[in-house]
Amino acid sequence: MDSFVFVLPSGTSKNARLQSWVKAEQEHARVQWRRICRGDARVISDRELTPEIIAGNNLVLWGDPQSNAVLQRILGQ
């Protein structure tokens, strides 16, 4: 029941099929959330993510390390 944020990639994946799948799935998730929960999921770009957002929310990271800067940053951790 905690707060969450969809963090969308601002870049492009090297894998075109993955890029297409991520785009379709994140949109499907947003539509389903709106339909089932009668509200909009909070959505931001990976470039908009701040330490305050990280501290106060669960993150749903979309994409891969090539397309999402957050995934790239945490890849080695």
Protein backbone atom coordinates (compact mmCIF):
# COMPACT_ATOMS: atom_id res chain seq x y z
CA MET A 1 0.00 0.00 0.00
CA ASP A 2 3.06 2.29 -0.24
CA SER A 3 3.57 5.01 -2.79
CA PHE A 4 5.18 4.07 -6.09
CA VAL A 5 6.39 5.82 -9.22
CA PHE A 6 6.80 4.46 -12.75
CA VAL A 7 10.23 5.61 -13.96
CA LEU A 8 10.23 5.60 -17.75
CA PRO A 9 13.38 5.52 -19.86
CA SER A 10 14.42 8.71 -21.65
CA GLY A 11 16.87 6.89 -23.92
CA THR A 12 16.63 4.15 -26.50
CA SER A 13 17.54 0.51 -26.07
CA LYS A 14 20.01 -1.11 -28.44
CA ASN A 15 17.45 -3.91 -28.78
CA ALA A 16 14.53 -2.70 -30.94
CA ARG A 17 12.28 -5.58 -29.89
CA LEU A 18 12.87 -4.84 -26.21
CA GLN A 19 12.26 -1.14 -26.82
CA SER A 20 8.92 -1.92 -28.45
CA TRP A 21 7.92 -4.35 -25.70
CA VAL A 22 8.80 -1.90 -22.90
CA LYS A 23 6.78 0.86 -24.53
CA ALA A 24 3.74 -1.39 -24.97
CA GLU A 25 3.95 -2.91 -21.47
CA GLN A 26 4.39 0.36 -19.61
CA GLU A 27 1.42 1.83 -21.44
CA HIS A 28 -0.62 -1.30 -20.72
CA ALA A 29 0.30 -1.05 -17.02
CA ARG A 30 -0.79 2.59 -16.91
CA VAL A 31 -4.11 1.84 -18.61
CA GLN A 32 -4.79 -1.15 -16.35
CA TRP A 33 -3.95 0.85 -13.22
CA ARG A 34 -6.36 3.59 -14.30
CA ARG A 35 -9.07 1.04 -15.13
CA ILE A 36 -8.78 -1.03 -11.96
CA CYS A 37 -7.81 1.60 -9.39
CA ARG A 38 -9.67 4.55 -10.91
CA GLY A 39 -6.65 6.81 -10.74
CA ASP A 40 -3.48 7.58 -12.59
CA ALA A 41 -0.18 6.02 -11.65
CA ARG A 42 2.53 8.59 -11.02
CA VAL A 43 4.89 8.59 -13.99
CA ILE A 44 8.21 10.38 -14.41
CA SER A 45 11.22 10.20 -16.69
CA ASP A 46 14.49 8.73 -15.46
CA ARG A 47 15.91 12.25 -15.77
CA GLU A 48 13.32 13.64 -13.36
CA LEU A 49 14.16 11.24 -10.53
CA THR A 50 15.38 13.01 -7.39
CA PRO A 51 16.74 11.73 -4.07
CA GLU A 52 13.47 12.84 -2.44
CA ILE A 53 11.39 10.75 -4.86
CA ILE A 54 13.67 7.76 -4.26
CA ALA A 55 13.38 8.14 -0.48
CA GLY A 56 9.60 8.43 -0.48
CA ASN A 57 8.52 5.90 -3.08
CA ASN A 58 8.94 2.43 -4.46
CA LEU A 59 10.31 2.66 -8.00
CA VAL A 60 9.03 0.70 -10.97
CA LEU A 61 11.91 0.99 -13.43
CA TRP A 62 11.11 0.45 -17.10
CA GLY A 63 13.62 -0.26 -19.84
CA ASP A 64 17.16 -1.56 -19.75
CA PRO A 65 20.52 -0.04 -18.77
CA GLN A 66 20.93 1.46 -22.25
CA SER A 67 17.59 3.26 -22.17
CA ASN A 68 17.01 4.02 -18.48
CA ALA A 69 19.70 6.10 -16.73
CA VAL A 70 18.61 4.82 -13.30
CA LEU A 71 19.18 1.20 -14.32
CA GLN A 72 22.56 2.18 -15.77
CA ARG A 73 23.51 3.89 -12.50
CA ILE A 74 22.60 0.90 -10.29
CA LEU A 75 23.82 -1.82 -12.65
CA GLY A 76 27.03 -2.50 -10.73
CA GLN A 77 25.45 -2.46 -7.26
